[in-house]
Amino acid sequence: MTLTFSGEVFVTPGDAAWHFVRVTPECSEEIRSASGPRVGFGSVRVEAAVGGTVWSTSVFPESRTAYVLPLKRSVREAEGILADDVIDVTLRLV
């Protein structure tokens, strides 16, 4: 299953300053209904693509209705992504 969506990059407060993009509720529902057993923290393994960068990661439940996708520093640097940018994302469940 492949999903595409656009979302705004947000940063968690604190020293770690993790960057995420929120998966839309519609795509989150598709992930929930199509994914198999969850792994740590309820995460679901995916292959993500932003621009020309593709990487293996997981999406994590943020709430009952949405997942979040962490954006590694290497991805942000390769694609020139900053906090508050709106980005296009493709996810493939693995």
PDB file of N, CA and C in Angstrom:
ATOM      1  N   MET A   1       0.838  -1.177   0.000  1.00  0.00           N
ATOM      2  CA  MET A   1       0.000   0.000   0.000  1.00  0.00           C
ATOM      3  C   MET A   1       0.882   1.239   0.000  1.00  0.00           C
ATOM      4  N   THR A   2       0.573   2.168  -0.885  1.00  0.00           N
ATOM      5  CA  THR A   2       1.312   3.422  -0.957  1.00  0.00           C
ATOM      6  C   THR A   2       0.345   4.571  -0.705  1.00  0.00           C
ATOM      7  N   LEU A   3       0.755   5.496   0.161  1.00  0.00           N
ATOM      8  CA  LEU A   3      -0.060   6.647   0.537  1.00  0.00           C
ATOM      9  C   LEU A   3       0.722   7.924   0.272  1.00  0.00           C
ATOM     10  N   THR A   4       0.052   8.961  -0.156  1.00  0.00           N
ATOM     11  CA  THR A   4       0.701  10.258  -0.327  1.00  0.00           C
ATOM     12  C   THR A   4      -0.121  11.319   0.389  1.00  0.00           C
ATOM     13  N   PHE A   5       0.579  12.301   0.957  1.00  0.00           N
ATOM     14  CA  PHE A   5      -0.079  13.387   1.663  1.00  0.00           C
ATOM     15  C   PHE A   5       0.890  14.552   1.785  1.00  0.00           C
ATOM     16  N   SER A   6       0.364  15.695   2.160  1.00  0.00           N
ATOM     17  CA  SER A   6       1.165  16.877   2.456  1.00  0.00           C
ATOM     18  C   SER A   6       0.950  17.225   3.920  1.00  0.00           C
ATOM     19  N   GLY A   7       2.016  17.707   4.566  1.00  0.00           N
ATOM     20  CA  GLY A   7       1.895  18.088   5.963  1.00  0.00           C
ATOM     21  C   GLY A   7       2.945  19.101   6.355  1.00  0.00           C
ATOM     22  N   GLU A   8       2.672  19.792   7.457  1.00  0.00           N
ATOM     23  CA  GLU A   8       3.573  20.814   7.977  1.00  0.00           C
ATOM     24  C   GLU A   8       4.555  20.191   8.964  1.00  0.00           C
ATOM     25  N   VAL A   9       5.817  20.539   8.818  1.00  0.00           N
ATOM     26  CA  VAL A   9       6.865  20.044   9.715  1.00  0.00           C
ATOM     27  C   VAL A   9       6.753  20.780  11.047  1.00  0.00           C
ATOM     28  N   PHE A  10       6.760  20.005  12.140  1.00  0.00           N
ATOM     29  CA  PHE A  10       6.760  20.615  13.466  1.00  0.00           C
ATOM     30  C   PHE A  10       7.896  20.039  14.286  1.00  0.00           C
ATOM     31  N   VAL A  11       8.295  20.778  15.308  1.00  0.00           N
ATOM     32  CA  VAL A  11       9.437  20.410  16.138  1.00  0.00           C
ATOM     33  C   VAL A  11       8.966  20.248  17.571  1.00  0.00           C
ATOM     34  N   THR A  12       9.428  19.180  18.218  1.00  0.00           N
ATOM     35  CA  THR A  12       9.091  18.995  19.624  1.00  0.00           C
ATOM     36  C   THR A  12       9.937  19.942  20.466  1.00  0.00           C
ATOM     37  N   PRO A  13       9.395  20.409  21.570  1.00  0.00           N
ATOM     38  CA  PRO A  13      10.177  21.296  22.428  1.00  0.00           C
ATOM     39  C   PRO A  13      11.286  20.533  23.146  1.00  0.00           C
ATOM     40  N   GLY A  14      12.280  21.251  23.604  1.00  0.00           N
ATOM     41  CA  GLY A  14      13.353  20.638  24.375  1.00  0.00           C
ATOM     42  C   GLY A  14      14.654  20.547  23.610  1.00  0.00           C
ATOM     43  N   ASP A  15      15.653  20.005  24.287  1.00  0.00           N
ATOM     44  CA  ASP A  15      16.991  19.915  23.721  1.00  0.00           C
ATOM     45  C   ASP A  15      17.074  18.986  22.511  1.00  0.00           C
ATOM     46  N   ALA A  16      16.264  17.938  22.500  1.00  0.00           N
ATOM     47  CA  ALA A  16      16.346  16.962  21.403  1.00  0.00           C
ATOM     48  C   ALA A  16      15.832  17.548  20.094  1.00  0.00           C
ATOM     49  N   ALA A  17      14.801  18.381  20.150  1.00  0.00           N
ATOM     50  CA  ALA A  17      14.230  19.050  18.981  1.00  0.00           C
ATOM     51  C   ALA A  17      13.986  18.086  17.817  1.00  0.00           C
ATOM     52  N   TRP A  18      13.186  17.056  18.062  1.00  0.00           N
ATOM     53  CA  TRP A  18      12.812  16.122  17.001  1.00  0.00           C
ATOM     54  C   TRP A  18      11.886  16.819  16.017  1.00  0.00           C
ATOM     55  N   HIS A  19      12.067  16.524  14.729  1.00  0.00           N
ATOM     56  CA  HIS A  19      11.224  17.065  13.666  1.00  0.00           C
ATOM     57  C   HIS A  19      10.279  15.963  13.181  1.00  0.00           C
ATOM     58  N   PHE A  20       9.018  16.317  13.009  1.00  0.00           N
ATOM     59  CA  PHE A  20       8.001  15.365  12.565  1.00  0.00           C
ATOM     60  C   PHE A  20       7.106  16.023  11.529  1.00  0.00           C
ATOM     61  N   VAL A  21       6.384  15.177  10.797  1.00  0.00           N
ATOM     62  CA  VAL A  21       5.253  15.626   9.985  1.00  0.00           C
ATOM     63  C   VAL A  21       4.087  14.726  10.368  1.00  0.00           C
ATOM     64  N   ARG A  22       2.924  15.337  10.555  1.00  0.00           N
ATOM     65  CA  ARG A  22       1.724  14.603  10.964  1.00  0.00           C
ATOM     66  C   ARG A  22       1.080  13.975   9.727  1.00  0.00           C
ATOM     67  N   VAL A  23       0.815  12.684   9.814  1.00  0.00           N
ATOM     68  CA  VAL A  23       0.121  11.966   8.747  1.00  0.00           C
ATOM     69  C   VAL A  23      -1.354  12.383   8.808  1.00  0.00           C
ATOM     70  N   THR A  24      -1.952  12.641   7.673  1.00  0.00           N
ATOM     71  CA  THR A  24      -3.350  13.075   7.662  1.00  0.00           C
ATOM     72  C   THR A  24      -4.244  12.014   8.313  1.00  0.00           C
ATOM     73  N   PRO A  25      -5.385  12.433   8.860  1.00  0.00           N
ATOM     74  CA  PRO A  25      -6.298  11.452   9.466  1.00  0.00           C
ATOM     75  C   PRO A  25      -6.734  10.363   8.483  1.00  0.00           C
ATOM     76  N   GLU A  26      -6.964  10.731   7.220  1.00  0.00           N
ATOM     77  CA  GLU A  26      -7.389   9.743   6.228  1.00  0.00           C
ATOM     78  C   GLU A  26      -6.302   8.685   5.994  1.00  0.00           C
ATOM     79  N   CYS A  27      -5.064   9.131   5.822  1.00  0.00           N
ATOM     80  CA  CYS A  27      -3.957   8.183   5.628  1.00  0.00           C
ATOM     81  C   CYS A  27      -3.699   7.396   6.898  1.00  0.00           C
ATOM     82  N   SER A  28      -3.831   8.032   8.057  1.00  0.00           N
ATOM     83  CA  SER A  28      -3.640   7.327   9.328  1.00  0.00           C
ATOM     84  C   SER A  28      -4.649   6.195   9.474  1.00  0.00           C
ATOM     85  N   GLU A  29      -5.888   6.438   9.074  1.00  0.00           N
ATOM     86  CA  GLU A  29      -6.922   5.397   9.143  1.00  0.00           C
ATOM     87  C   GLU A  29      -6.569   4.235   8.215  1.00  0.00           C
ATOM     88  N   GLU A  30      -6.068   4.544   7.035  1.00  0.00           N
ATOM     89  CA  GLU A  30      -5.659   3.475   6.116  1.00  0.00           C
ATOM     90  C   GLU A  30      -4.499   2.672   6.693  1.00  0.00           C
ATOM     91  N   ILE A  31      -3.549   3.345   7.336  1.00  0.00           N
ATOM     92  CA  ILE A  31      -2.427   2.649   7.967  1.00  0.00           C
ATOM     93  C   ILE A  31      -2.942   1.714   9.051  1.00  0.00           C
ATOM     94  N   ARG A  32      -3.831   2.227   9.900  1.00  0.00           N
ATOM     95  CA  ARG A  32      -4.384   1.428  10.995  1.00  0.00           C
ATOM     96  C   ARG A  32      -5.097   0.186  10.483  1.00  0.00           C
ATOM     97  N   SER A  33      -5.885   0.353   9.420  1.00  0.00           N
ATOM     98  CA  SER A  33      -6.663  -0.783   8.934  1.00  0.00           C
ATOM     99  C   SER A  33      -5.831  -1.774   8.116  1.00  0.00           C
ATOM    100  N   ALA A  34      -4.740  -1.344   7.518  1.00  0.00           N
ATOM    101  CA  ALA A  34      -3.957  -2.223   6.643  1.00  0.00           C
ATOM    102  C   ALA A  34      -2.727  -2.828   7.299  1.00  0.00           C
ATOM    103  N   SER A  35      -2.251  -2.237   8.389  1.00  0.00           N
ATOM    104  CA  SER A  35      -0.997  -2.724   8.979  1.00  0.00           C
ATOM    105  C   SER A  35      -1.230  -3.972   9.813  1.00  0.00           C
ATOM    106  N   GLY A  36      -0.189  -4.746   9.919  1.00  0.00           N
ATOM    107  CA  GLY A  36      -0.235  -5.956  10.724  1.00  0.00           C
ATOM    108  C   GLY A  36       0.060  -5.644  12.176  1.00  0.00           C
ATOM    109  N   PRO A  37       0.675  -6.589  12.865  1.00  0.00           N
ATOM    110  CA  PRO A  37       0.992  -6.374  14.275  1.00  0.00           C
ATOM    111  C   PRO A  37       1.910  -5.165  14.460  1.00  0.00           C
ATOM    112  N   ARG A  38       1.624  -4.394  15.472  1.00  0.00           N
ATOM    113  CA  ARG A  38       2.434  -3.212  15.776  1.00  0.00           C
ATOM    114  C   ARG A  38       3.696  -3.642  16.529  1.00  0.00           C
ATOM    115  N   VAL A  39       4.738  -2.825  16.387  1.00  0.00           N
ATOM    116  CA  VAL A  39       5.968  -3.061  17.140  1.00  0.00           C
ATOM    117  C   VAL A  39       6.035  -2.021  18.248  1.00  0.00           C
ATOM    118  N   GLY A  40       7.220  -1.716  18.757  1.00  0.00           N
ATOM    119  CA  GLY A  40       7.380  -0.823  19.891  1.00  0.00           C
ATOM    120  C   GLY A  40       6.592   0.463  19.795  1.00  0.00           C
ATOM    121  N   PHE A  41       5.927   0.835  20.872  1.00  0.00           N
ATOM    122  CA  PHE A  41       5.161   2.078  20.988  1.00  0.00           C
ATOM    123  C   PHE A  41       4.004   2.156  19.993  1.00  0.00           C
ATOM    124  N   GLY A  42       3.576   1.030  19.434  1.00  0.00           N
ATOM    125  CA  GLY A  42       2.482   1.037  18.470  1.00  0.00           C
ATOM    126  C   GLY A  42       2.894   1.487  17.083  1.00  0.00           C
ATOM    127  N   SER A  43       4.190   1.497  16.824  1.00  0.00           N
ATOM    128  CA  SER A  43       4.687   1.996  15.540  1.00  0.00           C
ATOM    129  C   SER A  43       4.409   1.018  14.407  1.00  0.00           C
ATOM    130  N   VAL A  44       4.438   1.557  13.195  1.00  0.00           N
ATOM    131  CA  VAL A  44       4.231   0.770  11.976  1.00  0.00           C
ATOM    132  C   VAL A  44       5.405   1.055  11.047  1.00  0.00           C
ATOM    133  N   ARG A  45       6.040   0.004  10.556  1.00  0.00           N
ATOM    134  CA  ARG A  45       7.199   0.163   9.670  1.00  0.00           C
ATOM    135  C   ARG A  45       6.761   0.633   8.291  1.00  0.00           C
ATOM    136  N   VAL A  46       7.516   1.601   7.768  1.00  0.00           N
ATOM    137  CA  VAL A  46       7.216   2.174   6.451  1.00  0.00           C
ATOM    138  C   VAL A  46       8.508   2.478   5.708  1.00  0.00           C
ATOM    139  N   GLU A  47       8.376   2.642   4.408  1.00  0.00           N
ATOM    140  CA  GLU A  47       9.403   3.267   3.592  1.00  0.00           C
ATOM    141  C   GLU A  47       8.845   4.646   3.250  1.00  0.00           C
ATOM    142  N   ALA A  48       9.603   5.681   3.571  1.00  0.00           N
ATOM    143  CA  ALA A  48       9.146   7.054   3.354  1.00  0.00           C
ATOM    144  C   ALA A  48       9.952   7.694   2.240  1.00  0.00           C
ATOM    145  N   ALA A  49       9.307   8.608   1.523  1.00  0.00           N
ATOM    146  CA  ALA A  49       9.987   9.372   0.472  1.00  0.00           C
ATOM    147  C   ALA A  49       9.542  10.819   0.549  1.00  0.00           C
ATOM    148  N   VAL A  50      10.531  11.705   0.538  1.00  0.00           N
ATOM    149  CA  VAL A  50      10.304  13.143   0.459  1.00  0.00           C
ATOM    150  C   VAL A  50      11.272  13.658  -0.602  1.00  0.00           C
ATOM    151  N   GLY A  51      10.743  14.290  -1.632  1.00  0.00           N
ATOM    152  CA  GLY A  51      11.611  14.723  -2.726  1.00  0.00           C
ATOM    153  C   GLY A  51      12.320  13.512  -3.308  1.00  0.00           C
ATOM    154  N   GLY A  52      13.642  13.590  -3.437  1.00  0.00           N
ATOM    155  CA  GLY A  52      14.424  12.481  -3.967  1.00  0.00           C
ATOM    156  C   GLY A  52      15.002  11.566  -2.903  1.00  0.00           C
ATOM    157  N   THR A  53      14.623  11.768  -1.641  1.00  0.00           N
ATOM    158  CA  THR A  53      15.179  10.989  -0.537  1.00  0.00           C
ATOM    159  C   THR A  53      14.187   9.920  -0.094  1.00  0.00           C
ATOM    160  N   VAL A  54      14.669   8.679  -0.026  1.00  0.00           N
ATOM    161  CA  VAL A  54      13.861   7.542   0.409  1.00  0.00           C
ATOM    162  C   VAL A  54      14.581   6.887   1.575  1.00  0.00           C
ATOM    163  N   TRP A  55      13.840   6.531   2.639  1.00  0.00           N
ATOM    164  CA  TRP A  55      14.462   5.889   3.789  1.00  0.00           C
ATOM    165  C   TRP A  55      13.465   4.980   4.491  1.00  0.00           C
ATOM    166  N   SER A  56      13.986   4.021   5.242  1.00  0.00           N
ATOM    167  CA  SER A  56      13.176   3.112   6.043  1.00  0.00           C
ATOM    168  C   SER A  56      13.055   3.676   7.446  1.00  0.00           C
ATOM    169  N   THR A  57      11.833   3.651   7.967  1.00  0.00           N
ATOM    170  CA  THR A  57      11.571   4.203   9.290  1.00  0.00           C
ATOM    171  C   THR A  57      10.264   3.622   9.800  1.00  0.00           C
ATOM    172  N   SER A  58       9.675   4.254  10.779  1.00  0.00           N
ATOM    173  CA  SER A  58       8.365   3.883  11.296  1.00  0.00           C
ATOM    174  C   SER A  58       7.553   5.137  11.518  1.00  0.00           C
ATOM    175  N   VAL A  59       6.229   4.991  11.453  1.00  0.00           N
ATOM    176  CA  VAL A  59       5.341   6.053  11.891  1.00  0.00           C
ATOM    177  C   VAL A  59       4.849   5.665  13.276  1.00  0.00           C
ATOM    178  N   PHE A  60       4.591   6.665  14.108  1.00  0.00           N
ATOM    179  CA  PHE A  60       4.227   6.449  15.499  1.00  0.00           C
ATOM    180  C   PHE A  60       2.876   7.079  15.786  1.00  0.00           C
ATOM    181  N   PRO A  61       2.037   6.392  16.575  1.00  0.00           N
ATOM    182  CA  PRO A  61       0.744   6.990  16.897  1.00  0.00           C
ATOM    183  C   PRO A  61       0.938   8.222  17.778  1.00  0.00           C
ATOM    184  N   GLU A  62       0.343   9.324  17.353  1.00  0.00           N
ATOM    185  CA  GLU A  62       0.368  10.551  18.143  1.00  0.00           C
ATOM    186  C   GLU A  62      -0.904  10.649  18.974  1.00  0.00           C
ATOM    187  N   SER A  63      -1.962  10.121  18.428  1.00  0.00           N
ATOM    188  CA  SER A  63      -3.266  10.143  19.076  1.00  0.00           C
ATOM    189  C   SER A  63      -4.060   8.963  18.524  1.00  0.00           C
ATOM    190  N   ARG A  64      -5.325   8.932  18.846  1.00  0.00           N
ATOM    191  CA  ARG A  64      -6.173   7.854  18.320  1.00  0.00           C
ATOM    192  C   ARG A  64      -6.473   8.051  16.835  1.00  0.00           C
ATOM    193  N   THR A  65      -6.231   9.249  16.323  1.00  0.00           N
ATOM    194  CA  THR A  65      -6.604   9.520  14.935  1.00  0.00           C
ATOM    195  C   THR A  65      -5.442   9.833  14.010  1.00  0.00           C
ATOM    196  N   ALA A  66      -4.212   9.946  14.538  1.00  0.00           N
ATOM    197  CA  ALA A  66      -3.108  10.344  13.663  1.00  0.00           C
ATOM    198  C   ALA A  66      -1.794   9.678  14.045  1.00  0.00           C
ATOM    199  N   TYR A  67      -0.991   9.458  13.020  1.00  0.00           N
ATOM    200  CA  TYR A  67       0.394   9.020  13.190  1.00  0.00           C
ATOM    201  C   TYR A  67       1.297  10.208  12.880  1.00  0.00           C
ATOM    202  N   VAL A  68       2.543  10.117  13.346  1.00  0.00           N
ATOM    203  CA  VAL A  68       3.552  11.100  12.985  1.00  0.00           C
ATOM    204  C   VAL A  68       4.744  10.376  12.375  1.00  0.00           C
ATOM    205  N   LEU A  69       5.390  11.059  11.424  1.00  0.00           N
ATOM    206  CA  LEU A  69       6.567  10.537  10.748  1.00  0.00           C
ATOM    207  C   LEU A  69       7.770  11.352  11.204  1.00  0.00           C
ATOM    208  N   PRO A  70       8.765  10.714  11.841  1.00  0.00           N
ATOM    209  CA  PRO A  70       9.975  11.455  12.208  1.00  0.00           C
ATOM    210  C   PRO A  70      10.821  11.740  10.974  1.00  0.00           C
ATOM    211  N   LEU A  71      11.416  12.932  10.949  1.00  0.00           N
ATOM    212  CA  LEU A  71      12.263  13.343   9.832  1.00  0.00           C
ATOM    213  C   LEU A  71      13.705  13.426  10.310  1.00  0.00           C
ATOM    214  N   LYS A  72      14.519  12.466   9.899  1.00  0.00           N
ATOM    215  CA  LYS A  72      15.921  12.443  10.298  1.00  0.00           C
ATOM    216  C   LYS A  72      16.657  13.671   9.785  1.00  0.00           C
ATOM    217  N   ARG A  73      17.687  14.035  10.500  1.00  0.00           N
ATOM    218  CA  ARG A  73      18.502  15.187  10.102  1.00  0.00           C
ATOM    219  C   ARG A  73      19.021  15.031   8.681  1.00  0.00           C
ATOM    220  N   SER A  74      19.489  13.831   8.331  1.00  0.00           N
ATOM    221  CA  SER A  74      20.044  13.634   6.988  1.00  0.00           C
ATOM    222  C   SER A  74      18.991  13.891   5.905  1.00  0.00           C
ATOM    223  N   VAL A  75      17.747  13.532   6.177  1.00  0.00           N
ATOM    224  CA  VAL A  75      16.663  13.781   5.229  1.00  0.00           C
ATOM    225  C   VAL A  75      16.387  15.274   5.138  1.00  0.00           C
ATOM    226  N   ARG A  76      16.286  15.931   6.286  1.00  0.00           N
ATOM    227  CA  ARG A  76      16.018  17.373   6.302  1.00  0.00           C
ATOM    228  C   ARG A  76      17.108  18.142   5.569  1.00  0.00           C
ATOM    229  N   GLU A  77      18.365  17.774   5.801  1.00  0.00           N
ATOM    230  CA  GLU A  77      19.471  18.463   5.143  1.00  0.00           C
ATOM    231  C   GLU A  77      19.477  18.192   3.638  1.00  0.00           C
ATOM    232  N   ALA A  78      19.239  16.951   3.245  1.00  0.00           N
ATOM    233  CA  ALA A  78      19.254  16.601   1.819  1.00  0.00           C
ATOM    234  C   ALA A  78      18.146  17.320   1.052  1.00  0.00           C
ATOM    235  N   GLU A  79      17.014  17.528   1.702  1.00  0.00           N
ATOM    236  CA  GLU A  79      15.859  18.129   1.025  1.00  0.00           C
ATOM    237  C   GLU A  79      15.642  19.596   1.390  1.00  0.00           C
ATOM    238  N   GLY A  80      16.502  20.141   2.258  1.00  0.00           N
ATOM    239  CA  GLY A  80      16.368  21.542   2.644  1.00  0.00           C
ATOM    240  C   GLY A  80      15.098  21.828   3.437  1.00  0.00           C
ATOM    241  N   ILE A  81      14.714  20.890   4.299  1.00  0.00           N
ATOM    242  CA  ILE A  81      13.472  20.996   5.065  1.00  0.00           C
ATOM    243  C   ILE A  81      13.722  21.733   6.377  1.00  0.00           C
ATOM    244  N   LEU A  82      12.848  22.695   6.666  1.00  0.00           N
ATOM    245  CA  LEU A  82      12.903  23.459   7.909  1.00  0.00           C
ATOM    246  C   LEU A  82      11.573  23.340   8.639  1.00  0.00           C
ATOM    247  N   ALA A  83      11.580  23.669   9.928  1.00  0.00           N
ATOM    248  CA  ALA A  83      10.346  23.697  10.708  1.00  0.00           C
ATOM    249  C   ALA A  83       9.343  24.610  10.024  1.00  0.00           C
ATOM    250  N   ASP A  84       8.099  24.219  10.055  1.00  0.00           N
ATOM    251  CA  ASP A  84       6.967  24.948   9.476  1.00  0.00           C
ATOM    252  C   ASP A  84       6.851  24.818   7.956  1.00  0.00           C
ATOM    253  N   ASP A  85       7.797  24.145   7.300  1.00  0.00           N
ATOM    254  CA  ASP A  85       7.650  23.881   5.869  1.00  0.00           C
ATOM    255  C   ASP A  85       6.495  22.898   5.669  1.00  0.00           C
ATOM    256  N   VAL A  86       5.801  23.024   4.560  1.00  0.00           N
ATOM    257  CA  VAL A  86       4.807  22.028   4.149  1.00  0.00           C
ATOM    258  C   VAL A  86       5.489  21.154   3.104  1.00  0.00           C
ATOM    259  N   ILE A  87       5.497  19.845   3.366  1.00  0.00           N
ATOM    260  CA  ILE A  87       6.193  18.918   2.483  1.00  0.00           C
ATOM    261  C   ILE A  87       5.238  17.854   1.958  1.00  0.00           C
ATOM    262  N   ASP A  88       5.586  17.282   0.810  1.00  0.00           N
ATOM    263  CA  ASP A  88       4.852  16.164   0.223  1.00  0.00           C
ATOM    264  C   ASP A  88       5.565  14.886   0.610  1.00  0.00           C
ATOM    265  N   VAL A  89       4.795  13.922   1.088  1.00  0.00           N
ATOM    266  CA  VAL A  89       5.353  12.665   1.600  1.00  0.00           C
ATOM    267  C   VAL A  89       4.671  11.497   0.912  1.00  0.00           C
ATOM    268  N   THR A  90       5.456  10.481   0.597  1.00  0.00           N
ATOM    269  CA  THR A  90       4.921   9.192   0.142  1.00  0.00           C
ATOM    270  C   THR A  90       5.339   8.139   1.150  1.00  0.00           C
ATOM    271  N   LEU A  91       4.379   7.352   1.602  1.00  0.00           N
ATOM    272  CA  LEU A  91       4.652   6.244   2.530  1.00  0.00           C
ATOM    273  C   LEU A  91       4.251   4.938   1.890  1.00  0.00           C
ATOM    274  N   ARG A  92       5.077   3.925   2.112  1.00  0.00           N
ATOM    275  CA  ARG A  92       4.743   2.567   1.686  1.00  0.00           C
ATOM    276  C   ARG A  92       4.877   1.663   2.889  1.00  0.00           C
ATOM    277  N   LEU A  93       3.820   0.960   3.254  1.00  0.00           N
ATOM    278  CA  LEU A  93       3.884   0.033   4.378  1.00  0.00           C
ATOM    279  C   LEU A  93       4.771  -1.141   4.016  1.00  0.00           C
ATOM    280  N   VAL A  94       5.630  -1.547   4.956  1.00  0.00           N
ATOM    281  CA  VAL A  94       6.510  -2.691   4.723  1.00  0.00           C
ATOM    282  C   VAL A  94       6.212  -3.802   5.695  1.00  0.00           C
TER     283      VAL A  94
END
